[in-house]
């Protein structure tokens, strides 16, 4: 029997690697009585990447290499 080959979808993400757990996000939204659109998770991931980048920039501008909660 021939081995099945699977094609991976090309990633169009701006933010890079996925940092959020999609199932947890969807479950939280559902628990609040709402539905999740198909593009929400990608937008949320992009927002998380931007938030982290801003926090890193703030820490570096304060001459620190440790990102702290108040950098958010």
PDB file of N, CA and C in Angstrom:
ATOM      1  N   UNK A   1       0.840  -1.165   0.000  1.00  0.00           N
ATOM      2  CA  UNK A   1       0.000   0.000   0.000  1.00  0.00           C
ATOM      3  C   UNK A   1       0.895   1.242   0.000  1.00  0.00           C
ATOM      4  N   UNK A   2       0.563   2.194  -0.840  1.00  0.00           N
ATOM      5  CA  UNK A   2       1.363   3.411  -0.958  1.00  0.00           C
ATOM      6  C   UNK A   2       1.141   4.308   0.253  1.00  0.00           C
ATOM      7  N   UNK A   3       2.184   5.021   0.601  1.00  0.00           N
ATOM      8  CA  UNK A   3       2.136   5.929   1.731  1.00  0.00           C
ATOM      9  C   UNK A   3       1.376   7.200   1.340  1.00  0.00           C
ATOM     10  N   UNK A   4       0.491   7.648   2.198  1.00  0.00           N
ATOM     11  CA  UNK A   4      -0.249   8.877   1.922  1.00  0.00           C
ATOM     12  C   UNK A   4       0.641  10.082   2.169  1.00  0.00           C
ATOM     13  N   UNK A   5       0.547  11.040   1.286  1.00  0.00           N
ATOM     14  CA  UNK A   5       1.277  12.282   1.484  1.00  0.00           C
ATOM     15  C   UNK A   5       0.271  13.379   1.775  1.00  0.00           C
ATOM     16  N   UNK A   6       0.615  14.213   2.700  1.00  0.00           N
ATOM     17  CA  UNK A   6      -0.269  15.318   3.047  1.00  0.00           C
ATOM     18  C   UNK A   6       0.420  16.623   2.726  1.00  0.00           C
ATOM     19  N   UNK A   7      -0.371  17.537   2.242  1.00  0.00           N
ATOM     20  CA  UNK A   7       0.161  18.859   1.938  1.00  0.00           C
ATOM     21  C   UNK A   7      -0.121  19.776   3.120  1.00  0.00           C
ATOM     22  N   UNK A   8       0.876  20.509   3.507  1.00  0.00           N
ATOM     23  CA  UNK A   8       0.681  21.484   4.572  1.00  0.00           C
ATOM     24  C   UNK A   8       0.196  22.784   3.961  1.00  0.00           C
ATOM     25  N   UNK A   9      -0.713  23.429   4.654  1.00  0.00           N
ATOM     26  CA  UNK A   9      -1.204  24.716   4.185  1.00  0.00           C
ATOM     27  C   UNK A   9      -0.096  25.757   4.307  1.00  0.00           C
ATOM     28  N   UNK A  10      -0.019  26.619   3.327  1.00  0.00           N
ATOM     29  CA  UNK A  10       0.954  27.709   3.382  1.00  0.00           C
ATOM     30  C   UNK A  10       0.516  28.702   4.447  1.00  0.00           C
ATOM     31  N   UNK A  11       1.421  29.067   5.298  1.00  0.00           N
ATOM     32  CA  UNK A  11       1.110  29.990   6.381  1.00  0.00           C
ATOM     33  C   UNK A  11       1.130  31.426   5.883  1.00  0.00           C
ATOM     34  N   UNK A  12       0.039  32.145   6.156  1.00  0.00           N
ATOM     35  CA  UNK A  12      -0.049  33.549   5.760  1.00  0.00           C
ATOM     36  C   UNK A  12       0.032  34.458   6.979  1.00  0.00           C
ATOM     37  N   UNK A  13       0.463  33.922   8.083  1.00  0.00           N
ATOM     38  CA  UNK A  13       0.466  34.674   9.330  1.00  0.00           C
ATOM     39  C   UNK A  13       1.501  35.778   9.319  1.00  0.00           C
ATOM     40  N   UNK A  14       1.089  36.956   9.777  1.00  0.00           N
ATOM     41  CA  UNK A  14       2.018  38.070   9.918  1.00  0.00           C
ATOM     42  C   UNK A  14       2.821  37.922  11.197  1.00  0.00           C
ATOM     43  N   UNK A  15       2.149  37.476  12.253  1.00  0.00           N
ATOM     44  CA  UNK A  15       2.758  37.426  13.571  1.00  0.00           C
ATOM     45  C   UNK A  15       3.736  36.298  13.779  1.00  0.00           C
ATOM     46  N   UNK A  16       3.738  35.327  12.907  1.00  0.00           N
ATOM     47  CA  UNK A  16       4.657  34.208  13.061  1.00  0.00           C
ATOM     48  C   UNK A  16       4.029  33.048  13.789  1.00  0.00           C
ATOM     49  N   UNK A  17       4.812  32.388  14.599  1.00  0.00           N
ATOM     50  CA  UNK A  17       4.390  31.182  15.304  1.00  0.00           C
ATOM     51  C   UNK A  17       3.144  31.430  16.151  1.00  0.00           C
ATOM     52  N   UNK A  18       2.263  30.438  16.196  1.00  0.00           N
ATOM     53  CA  UNK A  18       1.042  30.560  16.987  1.00  0.00           C
ATOM     54  C   UNK A  18       1.365  30.483  18.470  1.00  0.00           C
ATOM     55  N   UNK A  19       0.935  31.484  19.206  1.00  0.00           N
ATOM     56  CA  UNK A  19       1.213  31.569  20.639  1.00  0.00           C
ATOM     57  C   UNK A  19      -0.023  31.297  21.489  1.00  0.00           C
ATOM     58  N   UNK A  20      -1.177  31.222  20.853  1.00  0.00           N
ATOM     59  CA  UNK A  20      -2.412  31.029  21.604  1.00  0.00           C
ATOM     60  C   UNK A  20      -2.923  29.605  21.405  1.00  0.00           C
ATOM     61  N   UNK A  21      -3.752  29.157  22.312  1.00  0.00           N
ATOM     62  CA  UNK A  21      -4.380  27.838  22.198  1.00  0.00           C
ATOM     63  C   UNK A  21      -5.794  28.082  21.683  1.00  0.00           C
ATOM     64  N   UNK A  22      -5.990  27.776  20.405  1.00  0.00           N
ATOM     65  CA  UNK A  22      -7.254  28.072  19.749  1.00  0.00           C
ATOM     66  C   UNK A  22      -8.454  27.454  20.438  1.00  0.00           C
ATOM     67  N   UNK A  23      -8.351  26.203  20.859  1.00  0.00           N
ATOM     68  CA  UNK A  23      -9.488  25.534  21.499  1.00  0.00           C
ATOM     69  C   UNK A  23      -9.864  26.214  22.812  1.00  0.00           C
ATOM     70  N   UNK A  24      -8.867  26.693  23.547  1.00  0.00           N
ATOM     71  CA  UNK A  24      -9.143  27.381  24.819  1.00  0.00           C
ATOM     72  C   UNK A  24      -9.819  28.725  24.569  1.00  0.00           C
ATOM     73  N   UNK A  25      -9.358  29.443  23.539  1.00  0.00           N
ATOM     74  CA  UNK A  25      -9.957  30.731  23.187  1.00  0.00           C
ATOM     75  C   UNK A  25     -11.413  30.520  22.773  1.00  0.00           C
ATOM     76  N   UNK A  26     -11.632  29.535  21.894  1.00  0.00           N
ATOM     77  CA  UNK A  26     -12.988  29.257  21.427  1.00  0.00           C
ATOM     78  C   UNK A  26     -13.903  28.842  22.576  1.00  0.00           C
ATOM     79  N   UNK A  27     -13.402  28.030  23.502  1.00  0.00           N
ATOM     80  CA  UNK A  27     -14.200  27.588  24.649  1.00  0.00           C
ATOM     81  C   UNK A  27     -14.572  28.766  25.543  1.00  0.00           C
ATOM     82  N   UNK A  28     -13.642  29.686  25.743  1.00  0.00           N
ATOM     83  CA  UNK A  28     -13.916  30.863  26.577  1.00  0.00           C
ATOM     84  C   UNK A  28     -14.964  31.751  25.924  1.00  0.00           C
ATOM     85  N   UNK A  29     -14.850  31.933  24.626  1.00  0.00           N
ATOM     86  CA  UNK A  29     -15.829  32.751  23.907  1.00  0.00           C
ATOM     87  C   UNK A  29     -17.202  32.093  23.954  1.00  0.00           C
ATOM     88  N   UNK A  30     -17.243  30.770  23.759  1.00  0.00           N
ATOM     89  CA  UNK A  30     -18.507  30.040  23.805  1.00  0.00           C
ATOM     90  C   UNK A  30     -19.130  30.112  25.194  1.00  0.00           C
ATOM     91  N   UNK A  31     -18.294  30.059  26.237  1.00  0.00           N
ATOM     92  CA  UNK A  31     -18.791  30.143  27.615  1.00  0.00           C
ATOM     93  C   UNK A  31     -19.430  31.497  27.900  1.00  0.00           C
ATOM     94  N   UNK A  32     -19.030  32.499  27.123  1.00  0.00           N
ATOM     95  CA  UNK A  32     -19.612  33.834  27.276  1.00  0.00           C
ATOM     96  C   UNK A  32     -20.798  34.051  26.341  1.00  0.00           C
ATOM     97  N   UNK A  33     -21.272  32.969  25.706  1.00  0.00           N
ATOM     98  CA  UNK A  33     -22.471  33.033  24.884  1.00  0.00           C
ATOM     99  C   UNK A  33     -22.262  33.596  23.489  1.00  0.00           C
ATOM    100  N   UNK A  34     -21.026  33.575  22.996  1.00  0.00           N
ATOM    101  CA  UNK A  34     -20.738  34.114  21.666  1.00  0.00           C
ATOM    102  C   UNK A  34     -20.138  33.035  20.777  1.00  0.00           C
ATOM    103  N   UNK A  35     -20.002  33.378  19.499  1.00  0.00           N
ATOM    104  CA  UNK A  35     -19.389  32.468  18.533  1.00  0.00           C
ATOM    105  C   UNK A  35     -18.072  33.074  18.059  1.00  0.00           C
ATOM    106  N   UNK A  36     -17.199  32.244  17.505  1.00  0.00           N
ATOM    107  CA  UNK A  36     -15.877  32.662  17.052  1.00  0.00           C
ATOM    108  C   UNK A  36     -15.850  32.701  15.532  1.00  0.00           C
ATOM    109  N   UNK A  37     -15.407  33.823  14.971  1.00  0.00           N
ATOM    110  CA  UNK A  37     -15.270  33.905  13.518  1.00  0.00           C
ATOM    111  C   UNK A  37     -13.992  33.201  13.090  1.00  0.00           C
ATOM    112  N   UNK A  38     -13.916  32.854  11.828  1.00  0.00           N
ATOM    113  CA  UNK A  38     -12.763  32.139  11.310  1.00  0.00           C
ATOM    114  C   UNK A  38     -11.471  32.920  11.359  1.00  0.00           C
ATOM    115  N   UNK A  39     -11.556  34.226  11.346  1.00  0.00           N
ATOM    116  CA  UNK A  39     -10.342  35.045  11.314  1.00  0.00           C
ATOM    117  C   UNK A  39      -9.910  35.564  12.686  1.00  0.00           C
ATOM    118  N   UNK A  40     -10.697  35.282  13.721  1.00  0.00           N
ATOM    119  CA  UNK A  40     -10.389  35.801  15.056  1.00  0.00           C
ATOM    120  C   UNK A  40      -9.062  35.297  15.597  1.00  0.00           C
ATOM    121  N   UNK A  41      -8.804  33.996  15.489  1.00  0.00           N
ATOM    122  CA  UNK A  41      -7.605  33.426  16.102  1.00  0.00           C
ATOM    123  C   UNK A  41      -6.331  34.000  15.495  1.00  0.00           C
ATOM    124  N   UNK A  42      -6.312  34.207  14.178  1.00  0.00           N
ATOM    125  CA  UNK A  42      -5.141  34.799  13.536  1.00  0.00           C
ATOM    126  C   UNK A  42      -4.944  36.245  13.995  1.00  0.00           C
ATOM    127  N   UNK A  43      -6.045  37.004  14.081  1.00  0.00           N
ATOM    128  CA  UNK A  43      -5.957  38.389  14.537  1.00  0.00           C
ATOM    129  C   UNK A  43      -5.504  38.461  15.992  1.00  0.00           C
ATOM    130  N   UNK A  44      -6.006  37.555  16.824  1.00  0.00           N
ATOM    131  CA  UNK A  44      -5.607  37.513  18.231  1.00  0.00           C
ATOM    132  C   UNK A  44      -4.132  37.163  18.362  1.00  0.00           C
ATOM    133  N   UNK A  45      -3.670  36.214  17.569  1.00  0.00           N
ATOM    134  CA  UNK A  45      -2.258  35.832  17.589  1.00  0.00           C
ATOM    135  C   UNK A  45      -1.382  37.015  17.171  1.00  0.00           C
ATOM    136  N   UNK A  46      -1.801  37.747  16.145  1.00  0.00           N
ATOM    137  CA  UNK A  46      -1.056  38.936  15.705  1.00  0.00           C
ATOM    138  C   UNK A  46      -1.001  39.986  16.815  1.00  0.00           C
ATOM    139  N   UNK A  47      -2.129  40.153  17.529  1.00  0.00           N
ATOM    140  CA  UNK A  47      -2.180  41.129  18.622  1.00  0.00           C
ATOM    141  C   UNK A  47      -1.250  40.718  19.762  1.00  0.00           C
ATOM    142  N   UNK A  48      -1.179  39.429  20.052  1.00  0.00           N
ATOM    143  CA  UNK A  48      -0.287  38.933  21.113  1.00  0.00           C
ATOM    144  C   UNK A  48       1.172  39.173  20.717  1.00  0.00           C
ATOM    145  N   UNK A  49       1.515  38.896  19.464  1.00  0.00           N
ATOM    146  CA  UNK A  49       2.883  39.151  18.994  1.00  0.00           C
ATOM    147  C   UNK A  49       3.238  40.636  19.123  1.00  0.00           C
ATOM    148  N   UNK A  50       2.304  41.511  18.759  1.00  0.00           N
ATOM    149  CA  UNK A  50       2.543  42.951  18.855  1.00  0.00           C
ATOM    150  C   UNK A  50       2.701  43.380  20.309  1.00  0.00           C
ATOM    151  N   UNK A  51       1.885  42.822  21.182  1.00  0.00           N
ATOM    152  CA  UNK A  51       1.960  43.143  22.607  1.00  0.00           C
ATOM    153  C   UNK A  51       3.314  42.739  23.190  1.00  0.00           C
ATOM    154  N   UNK A  52       3.792  41.566  22.813  1.00  0.00           N
ATOM    155  CA  UNK A  52       5.092  41.090  23.296  1.00  0.00           C
ATOM    156  C   UNK A  52       6.220  41.953  22.746  1.00  0.00           C
ATOM    157  N   UNK A  53       6.149  42.300  21.463  1.00  0.00           N
ATOM    158  CA  UNK A  53       7.191  43.143  20.854  1.00  0.00           C
ATOM    159  C   UNK A  53       7.250  44.503  21.540  1.00  0.00           C
ATOM    160  N   UNK A  54       6.087  45.092  21.825  1.00  0.00           N
ATOM    161  CA  UNK A  54       6.048  46.386  22.517  1.00  0.00           C
ATOM    162  C   UNK A  54       6.631  46.275  23.927  1.00  0.00           C
ATOM    163  N   UNK A  55       6.308  45.181  24.621  1.00  0.00           N
ATOM    164  CA  UNK A  55       6.835  44.978  25.971  1.00  0.00           C
ATOM    165  C   UNK A  55       8.355  44.816  25.934  1.00  0.00           C
ATOM    166  N   UNK A  56       8.870  44.097  24.952  1.00  0.00           N
ATOM    167  CA  UNK A  56      10.323  43.936  24.812  1.00  0.00           C
ATOM    168  C   UNK A  56      10.994  45.278  24.532  1.00  0.00           C
ATOM    169  N   UNK A  57      10.389  46.064  23.656  1.00  0.00           N
ATOM    170  CA  UNK A  57      10.946  47.394  23.350  1.00  0.00           C
ATOM    171  C   UNK A  57      10.970  48.281  24.585  1.00  0.00           C
ATOM    172  N   UNK A  58       9.911  48.228  25.386  1.00  0.00           N
ATOM    173  CA  UNK A  58       9.866  49.042  26.606  1.00  0.00           C
ATOM    174  C   UNK A  58      10.949  48.610  27.593  1.00  0.00           C
ATOM    175  N   UNK A  59      11.125  47.305  27.751  1.00  0.00           N
ATOM    176  CA  UNK A  59      12.154  46.798  28.662  1.00  0.00           C
ATOM    177  C   UNK A  59      13.540  47.227  28.184  1.00  0.00           C
ATOM    178  N   UNK A  60      13.800  47.108  26.897  1.00  0.00           N
ATOM    179  CA  UNK A  60      15.103  47.493  26.349  1.00  0.00           C
ATOM    180  C   UNK A  60      15.335  48.999  26.456  1.00  0.00           C
ATOM    181  N   UNK A  61      14.292  49.790  26.276  1.00  0.00           N
ATOM    182  CA  UNK A  61      14.464  51.239  26.395  1.00  0.00           C
ATOM    183  C   UNK A  61      14.732  51.650  27.839  1.00  0.00           C
ATOM    184  N   UNK A  62      14.342  50.801  28.784  1.00  0.00           N
ATOM    185  CA  UNK A  62      14.637  51.030  30.198  1.00  0.00           C
ATOM    186  C   UNK A  62      15.908  50.305  30.634  1.00  0.00           C
ATOM    187  N   UNK A  63      16.701  49.889  29.637  1.00  0.00           N
ATOM    188  CA  UNK A  63      18.000  49.239  29.861  1.00  0.00           C
ATOM    189  C   UNK A  63      17.878  47.957  30.693  1.00  0.00           C
ATOM    190  N   UNK A  64      16.823  47.175  30.376  1.00  0.00           N
ATOM    191  CA  UNK A  64      16.628  45.885  31.022  1.00  0.00           C
ATOM    192  C   UNK A  64      16.521  44.808  29.955  1.00  0.00           C
ATOM    193  N   UNK A  65      16.925  43.596  30.298  1.00  0.00           N
ATOM    194  CA  UNK A  65      16.734  42.474  29.388  1.00  0.00           C
ATOM    195  C   UNK A  65      15.602  41.575  29.868  1.00  0.00           C
ATOM    196  N   UNK A  66      15.038  41.907  31.012  1.00  0.00           N
ATOM    197  CA  UNK A  66      13.929  41.139  31.565  1.00  0.00           C
ATOM    198  C   UNK A  66      12.629  41.883  31.303  1.00  0.00           C
ATOM    199  N   UNK A  67      11.691  41.214  30.655  1.00  0.00           N
ATOM    200  CA  UNK A  67      10.384  41.807  30.409  1.00  0.00           C
ATOM    201  C   UNK A  67       9.516  41.520  31.623  1.00  0.00           C
ATOM    202  N   UNK A  68       8.958  42.581  32.189  1.00  0.00           N
ATOM    203  CA  UNK A  68       8.134  42.466  33.401  1.00  0.00           C
ATOM    204  C   UNK A  68       6.665  42.739  33.068  1.00  0.00           C
ATOM    205  N   UNK A  69       5.818  42.407  34.007  1.00  0.00           N
ATOM    206  CA  UNK A  69       4.365  42.576  33.801  1.00  0.00           C
ATOM    207  C   UNK A  69       4.007  44.030  33.482  1.00  0.00           C
ATOM    208  N   UNK A  70       4.678  44.957  34.115  1.00  0.00           N
ATOM    209  CA  UNK A  70       4.310  46.364  33.887  1.00  0.00           C
ATOM    210  C   UNK A  70       4.788  46.879  32.525  1.00  0.00           C
ATOM    211  N   UNK A  71       5.566  46.095  31.787  1.00  0.00           N
ATOM    212  CA  UNK A  71       5.938  46.466  30.433  1.00  0.00           C
ATOM    213  C   UNK A  71       4.774  46.287  29.459  1.00  0.00           C
ATOM    214  N   UNK A  72       3.788  45.510  29.876  1.00  0.00           N
ATOM    215  CA  UNK A  72       2.605  45.315  29.052  1.00  0.00           C
ATOM    216  C   UNK A  72       1.729  46.547  29.115  1.00  0.00           C
TER     217      UNK A  72
END
